[in-house]
Amino acid sequence: MTANEKGRLDGQVVYITGIARGQGRNHAIRFAREGASIIGMDIAAPVADHTTYPPATLDEFTETIELVEAAGGQILARQGDTRDLAFQQQLVADGVERFGRLDHVVANAGILTWGLTWEMSEDQFTDVVDVNLVGTWKTLKAAVPAMLAARNGGSITVISSTAGLKAMPNQASYSASKFALRGLAQTAAKELGPKHIRVNTVHPYAVNTPMGIGDSAAMKSFEDWGPHFPSMMDYYPVASLDDLTDAVLYLTTAQAVTGAEFQIDMGSSKF
């Protein structure tokens, strides 16, 4: 985009959780290219000892900030945990003070663990639900008052999963949390519709991220529970980061869309 061209989100502000790498980073860069200022956060550290993919790092978090700025964007980003409501509220408040408003939220942060329902540890269940569901509720609780105060309408996009449309074996806590996000988003969509704030969910399958393809336990689960994991597109087994960001950006700007459950899953939810 040249200096004379305008982005679709010029002058607007978006709050994105989980920006250190993967989907969150890609969203932040693309939104910046479209003219938005970014408020971002990521724990950028190990979240739980039962996850089986490499955790995001502080170096990755710092790199995201540099990439957003290189794309011409302004960003206020801090290291923190979505489960910390006071942290999120302060970050949003400081972001609004700096940028003047809040228009959009992308609730992207989440974790995954593997285990049979009756065999997983208490931490495997509660950590995932606390991060994915309770952490997302805290994101909305921190952000919605600022959006209402701005009186600009806007959008909230919650990243769920194919596992929130079709329960997956060996993923009891993950599926439970992602199904619950649908209920949270649908409730918020009904409550916020009269305020001109739209709320939608995105449901990925496999995505080209460390969490999506770098999980040492995933292949074993696919081998053990293969009939539950196929897609309609064997020739395109993993979605790209841009596939997901295209969907998120569409939902952010689609004025007639709320309460939608947008699948980027290569047809896997239909099996």
Protein backbone atom coordinates (compact mmCIF):
# COMPACT_ATOMS: atom_id res chain seq x y z
CA MET A 1 0.00 0.00 0.00
CA THR A 2 1.46 3.37 -1.02
CA ALA A 3 1.34 6.55 1.03
CA ASN A 4 -1.62 7.77 -1.04
CA GLU A 5 -3.66 4.60 -0.62
CA LYS A 6 -6.03 4.08 2.26
CA GLY A 7 -6.50 0.85 4.14
CA ARG A 8 -9.88 -0.58 5.02
CA LEU A 9 -9.21 0.05 8.70
CA ASP A 10 -7.56 3.46 8.62
CA GLY A 11 -7.93 5.21 11.97
CA GLN A 12 -9.38 2.13 13.69
CA VAL A 13 -7.94 0.16 16.60
CA VAL A 14 -7.90 -3.61 17.13
CA TYR A 15 -7.07 -5.62 20.25
CA ILE A 16 -5.50 -9.01 19.44
CA THR A 17 -4.58 -11.67 21.98
CA GLY A 18 -1.85 -14.23 21.33
CA ILE A 19 0.23 -12.09 18.95
CA ALA A 20 3.71 -13.56 19.51
CA ARG A 21 3.58 -15.84 16.47
CA GLY A 22 1.30 -17.82 14.19
CA GLN A 23 -2.23 -16.60 13.57
CA GLY A 24 -2.09 -13.71 16.04
CA ARG A 25 1.10 -12.32 14.52
CA ASN A 26 -0.26 -12.63 11.00
CA HIS A 27 -3.49 -10.87 11.99
CA ALA A 28 -1.55 -8.02 13.61
CA ILE A 29 0.63 -7.45 10.54
CA ARG A 30 -2.29 -7.54 8.09
CA PHE A 31 -4.45 -5.26 10.24
CA ALA A 32 -1.54 -2.81 10.46
CA ARG A 33 -1.20 -2.85 6.68
CA GLU A 34 -4.90 -2.02 6.48
CA GLY A 35 -4.30 1.07 8.61
CA ALA A 36 -5.32 -0.15 12.07
CA SER A 37 -3.41 0.53 15.27
CA ILE A 38 -2.76 -2.62 17.29
CA ILE A 39 -3.18 -3.35 20.97
CA GLY A 40 -1.63 -6.77 21.53
CA MET A 41 -0.69 -9.25 24.20
CA ASP A 42 0.82 -12.70 24.56
CA ILE A 43 2.11 -14.71 27.49
CA ALA A 44 5.20 -15.47 25.35
CA ALA A 45 6.29 -18.19 27.79
CA PRO A 46 5.34 -21.76 28.73
CA VAL A 47 1.71 -21.92 29.84
CA ALA A 48 1.45 -25.50 31.09
CA ASP A 49 3.76 -28.51 31.39
CA HIS A 50 1.28 -30.82 29.62
CA THR A 51 1.29 -29.11 26.21
CA THR A 52 3.30 -30.96 23.56
CA TYR A 53 4.22 -28.17 21.15
CA PRO A 54 6.88 -25.47 21.58
CA PRO A 55 5.65 -22.44 23.56
CA ALA A 56 5.81 -18.91 22.21
CA THR A 57 8.87 -16.96 23.34
CA LEU A 58 9.69 -13.41 24.30
CA ASP A 59 11.95 -13.16 21.24
CA GLU A 60 8.98 -14.05 19.00
CA PHE A 61 6.84 -11.49 20.82
CA THR A 62 9.47 -8.81 20.26
CA GLU A 63 9.78 -9.80 16.61
CA THR A 64 6.03 -9.37 16.13
CA ILE A 65 6.24 -5.80 17.41
CA GLU A 66 9.07 -5.11 14.97
CA LEU A 67 7.16 -6.65 12.06
CA VAL A 68 4.02 -4.61 12.80
CA GLU A 69 6.07 -1.43 12.93
CA ALA A 70 7.87 -2.40 9.71
CA ALA A 71 4.44 -2.75 8.09
CA GLY A 72 3.76 0.86 9.02
CA GLY A 73 1.58 0.13 12.03
CA GLN A 74 1.46 1.55 15.51
CA ILE A 75 1.37 -1.03 18.29
CA LEU A 76 1.10 -1.18 22.06
CA ALA A 77 1.94 -4.72 23.13
CA ARG A 78 2.64 -6.27 26.51
CA GLN A 79 3.55 -9.68 27.82
CA GLY A 80 0.81 -11.13 30.00
CA ASP A 81 -1.78 -13.84 30.55
CA THR A 82 -5.37 -13.76 29.28
CA ARG A 83 -6.40 -15.29 32.61
CA ASP A 84 -5.30 -12.06 34.33
CA LEU A 85 -8.32 -9.78 34.05
CA ALA A 86 -6.64 -6.78 35.68
CA PHE A 87 -3.76 -7.04 33.20
CA GLN A 88 -6.12 -7.06 30.23
CA GLN A 89 -8.20 -4.19 31.58
CA GLN A 90 -5.12 -2.05 32.12
CA LEU A 91 -3.72 -2.88 28.68
CA VAL A 92 -7.00 -1.96 26.99
CA ALA A 93 -7.26 1.26 29.01
CA ASP A 94 -3.71 2.25 28.10
CA GLY A 95 -4.31 1.37 24.47
CA VAL A 96 -7.44 3.51 24.33
CA GLU A 97 -5.56 6.36 26.00
CA ARG A 98 -2.81 6.11 23.38
CA PHE A 99 -4.90 5.49 20.27
CA GLY A 100 -8.16 7.18 21.26
CA ARG A 101 -10.63 4.34 20.72
CA LEU A 102 -11.20 0.60 20.39
CA ASP A 103 -13.10 -0.79 17.41
CA HIS A 104 -12.33 -4.47 17.04
CA VAL A 105 -11.25 -7.50 19.08
CA VAL A 106 -9.66 -10.72 17.84
CA ALA A 107 -9.71 -13.22 20.72
CA ASN A 108 -7.06 -15.55 19.38
CA ALA A 109 -5.05 -16.85 22.38
CA GLY A 110 -5.51 -20.51 23.24
CA ILE A 111 -3.79 -23.76 24.19
CA LEU A 112 -4.23 -27.46 23.42
CA THR A 113 -3.55 -30.68 25.28
CA TRP A 114 -4.22 -34.33 24.47
CA GLY A 115 -5.68 -37.12 26.58
CA LEU A 116 -8.67 -39.38 27.05
CA THR A 117 -11.52 -37.88 29.07
CA TRP A 118 -11.01 -40.12 32.09
CA GLU A 119 -7.21 -40.22 31.89
CA MET A 120 -6.23 -36.56 31.56
CA SER A 121 -5.04 -34.82 34.68
CA GLU A 122 -7.02 -32.14 36.46
CA ASP A 123 -4.54 -29.56 35.16
CA GLN A 124 -4.99 -30.78 31.59
CA PHE A 125 -8.67 -30.06 31.82
CA THR A 126 -8.77 -26.91 33.90
CA ASP A 127 -5.77 -25.15 32.31
CA VAL A 128 -7.22 -25.49 28.82
CA VAL A 129 -10.70 -24.37 29.87
CA ASP A 130 -9.27 -21.48 31.89
CA VAL A 131 -7.13 -20.18 29.02
CA ASN A 132 -9.44 -20.87 26.09
CA LEU A 133 -12.83 -20.09 27.61
CA VAL A 134 -12.38 -18.07 30.80
CA GLY A 135 -9.46 -16.14 29.28
CA THR A 136 -11.59 -15.24 26.27
CA TRP A 137 -14.46 -14.13 28.51
CA LYS A 138 -11.96 -11.91 30.34
CA THR A 139 -10.85 -10.51 26.98
CA LEU A 140 -14.44 -9.54 26.23
CA LYS A 141 -14.99 -8.18 29.74
CA ALA A 142 -11.89 -5.99 29.38
CA ALA A 143 -12.65 -4.80 25.85
CA VAL A 144 -16.39 -4.41 25.45
CA PRO A 145 -16.81 -1.42 27.82
CA ALA A 146 -14.20 0.50 25.81
CA MET A 147 -15.96 -0.39 22.55
CA LEU A 148 -19.30 0.77 23.94
CA ALA A 149 -17.75 3.99 25.19
CA ALA A 150 -16.30 4.71 21.74
CA ARG A 151 -19.77 4.43 20.13
CA ASN A 152 -18.21 3.36 16.85
CA GLY A 153 -19.80 -0.08 16.61
CA GLY A 154 -17.18 -2.61 15.59
CA SER A 155 -16.61 -6.33 15.74
CA ILE A 156 -15.42 -9.18 17.91
CA THR A 157 -13.96 -12.29 16.30
CA VAL A 158 -13.46 -15.30 18.55
CA ILE A 159 -11.15 -18.05 17.33
CA SER A 160 -12.79 -21.38 18.11
CA SER A 161 -11.94 -24.59 16.22
CA THR A 162 -13.34 -27.41 14.16
CA ALA A 163 -13.26 -29.17 17.55
CA GLY A 164 -15.92 -26.66 18.60
CA LEU A 165 -18.23 -27.89 15.84
CA LYS A 166 -17.44 -31.61 15.95
CA ALA A 167 -16.17 -33.06 19.22
CA MET A 168 -12.80 -34.73 18.77
CA PRO A 169 -11.47 -37.79 20.62
CA ASN A 170 -8.46 -37.37 22.88
CA GLN A 171 -9.30 -33.65 23.17
CA ALA A 172 -11.90 -33.49 25.95
CA SER A 173 -10.78 -30.18 27.46
CA TYR A 174 -10.05 -28.57 24.10
CA SER A 175 -13.37 -29.59 22.54
CA ALA A 176 -15.27 -28.55 25.67
CA SER A 177 -13.63 -25.12 25.65
CA LYS A 178 -14.12 -24.56 21.93
CA PHE A 179 -17.79 -25.61 22.02
CA ALA A 180 -18.27 -23.24 24.94
CA LEU A 181 -16.77 -20.37 22.96
CA ARG A 182 -19.62 -20.73 20.48
CA GLY A 183 -22.14 -20.20 23.26
CA LEU A 184 -20.21 -17.24 24.64
CA ALA A 185 -20.00 -15.63 21.21
CA GLN A 186 -23.65 -16.25 20.37
CA THR A 187 -24.74 -14.68 23.65
CA ALA A 188 -22.49 -11.67 23.10
CA ALA A 189 -23.77 -11.29 19.53
CA LYS A 190 -27.36 -11.04 20.77
CA GLU A 191 -26.43 -8.64 23.56
CA LEU A 192 -24.24 -6.39 21.42
CA GLY A 193 -26.24 -6.37 18.19
CA PRO A 194 -28.31 -3.35 19.29
CA LYS A 195 -25.01 -1.57 20.04
CA HIS A 196 -23.82 -2.13 16.44
CA ILE A 197 -21.09 -4.54 17.56
CA ARG A 198 -20.94 -7.79 15.61
CA VAL A 199 -19.64 -11.05 17.12
CA ASN A 200 -18.54 -14.07 15.09
CA THR A 201 -16.48 -17.22 15.52
CA VAL A 202 -13.83 -18.74 13.25
CA HIS A 203 -13.31 -22.50 13.20
CA PRO A 204 -9.92 -23.66 11.88
CA TYR A 205 -8.77 -27.24 11.41
CA ALA A 206 -5.02 -27.70 10.87
CA VAL A 207 -3.12 -24.42 10.43
CA ASN A 208 0.54 -23.87 9.57
CA THR A 209 1.66 -22.77 13.05
CA PRO A 210 3.89 -24.34 15.72
CA MET A 211 0.75 -25.34 17.61
CA GLY A 212 -0.86 -26.69 14.43
CA ILE A 213 1.99 -28.70 12.92
CA GLY A 214 4.68 -28.79 15.60
CA ASP A 215 2.74 -30.83 18.15
CA SER A 216 4.52 -34.10 18.94
CA ALA A 217 1.33 -35.73 20.26
CA ALA A 218 -0.88 -34.84 17.32
CA MET A 219 0.35 -37.49 14.88
CA LYS A 220 -0.12 -40.25 17.45
CA SER A 221 -3.70 -39.10 18.02
CA PHE A 222 -4.33 -39.05 14.27
CA GLU A 223 -3.02 -42.61 14.04
CA ASP A 224 -5.16 -43.83 16.93
CA TRP A 225 -8.34 -41.92 16.01
CA GLY A 226 -7.88 -41.44 12.28
CA PRO A 227 -11.53 -41.82 11.18
CA HIS A 228 -12.46 -38.70 13.16
CA PHE A 229 -9.81 -36.42 11.65
CA PRO A 230 -10.13 -36.46 7.82
CA SER A 231 -10.96 -33.51 5.57
CA MET A 232 -12.41 -33.22 2.08
CA MET A 233 -9.16 -31.75 0.77
CA ASP A 234 -6.27 -34.20 1.06
CA TYR A 235 -4.43 -32.09 -1.51
CA TYR A 236 -4.59 -29.09 0.89
CA PRO A 237 -4.10 -30.62 4.33
CA VAL A 238 -3.01 -27.52 6.25
CA ALA A 239 -4.44 -24.00 6.04
CA SER A 240 -2.05 -21.10 5.62
CA LEU A 241 -1.85 -18.17 8.00
CA ASP A 242 -3.29 -15.96 5.29
CA ASP A 243 -6.27 -18.30 4.93
CA LEU A 244 -7.14 -17.53 8.54
CA THR A 245 -6.35 -13.83 8.40
CA ASP A 246 -8.45 -13.45 5.25
CA ALA A 247 -11.42 -14.82 7.20
CA VAL A 248 -10.79 -12.67 10.26
CA LEU A 249 -10.39 -9.53 8.16
CA TYR A 250 -13.58 -10.34 6.26
CA LEU A 251 -15.57 -10.76 9.47
CA THR A 252 -14.11 -7.53 10.83
CA THR A 253 -15.38 -5.57 7.84
CA ALA A 254 -18.56 -7.52 6.90
CA GLN A 255 -21.28 -5.18 8.09
CA ALA A 256 -24.12 -7.67 7.53
CA VAL A 257 -22.53 -10.62 9.36
CA THR A 258 -22.99 -11.43 13.04
CA GLY A 259 -23.51 -14.66 14.92
CA ALA A 260 -21.71 -16.50 12.12
CA GLU A 261 -19.60 -19.63 12.60
CA PHE A 262 -17.00 -19.35 9.85
CA GLN A 263 -15.22 -22.59 8.96
CA ILE A 264 -11.67 -22.64 7.58
CA ASP A 265 -11.41 -26.40 7.91
CA MET A 266 -11.03 -27.98 4.46
CA GLY A 267 -14.42 -29.59 5.03
CA SER A 268 -13.30 -31.60 8.07
CA SER A 269 -16.31 -30.60 10.19
CA LYS A 270 -18.62 -32.37 7.72
CA PHE A 271 -17.21 -35.85 8.45
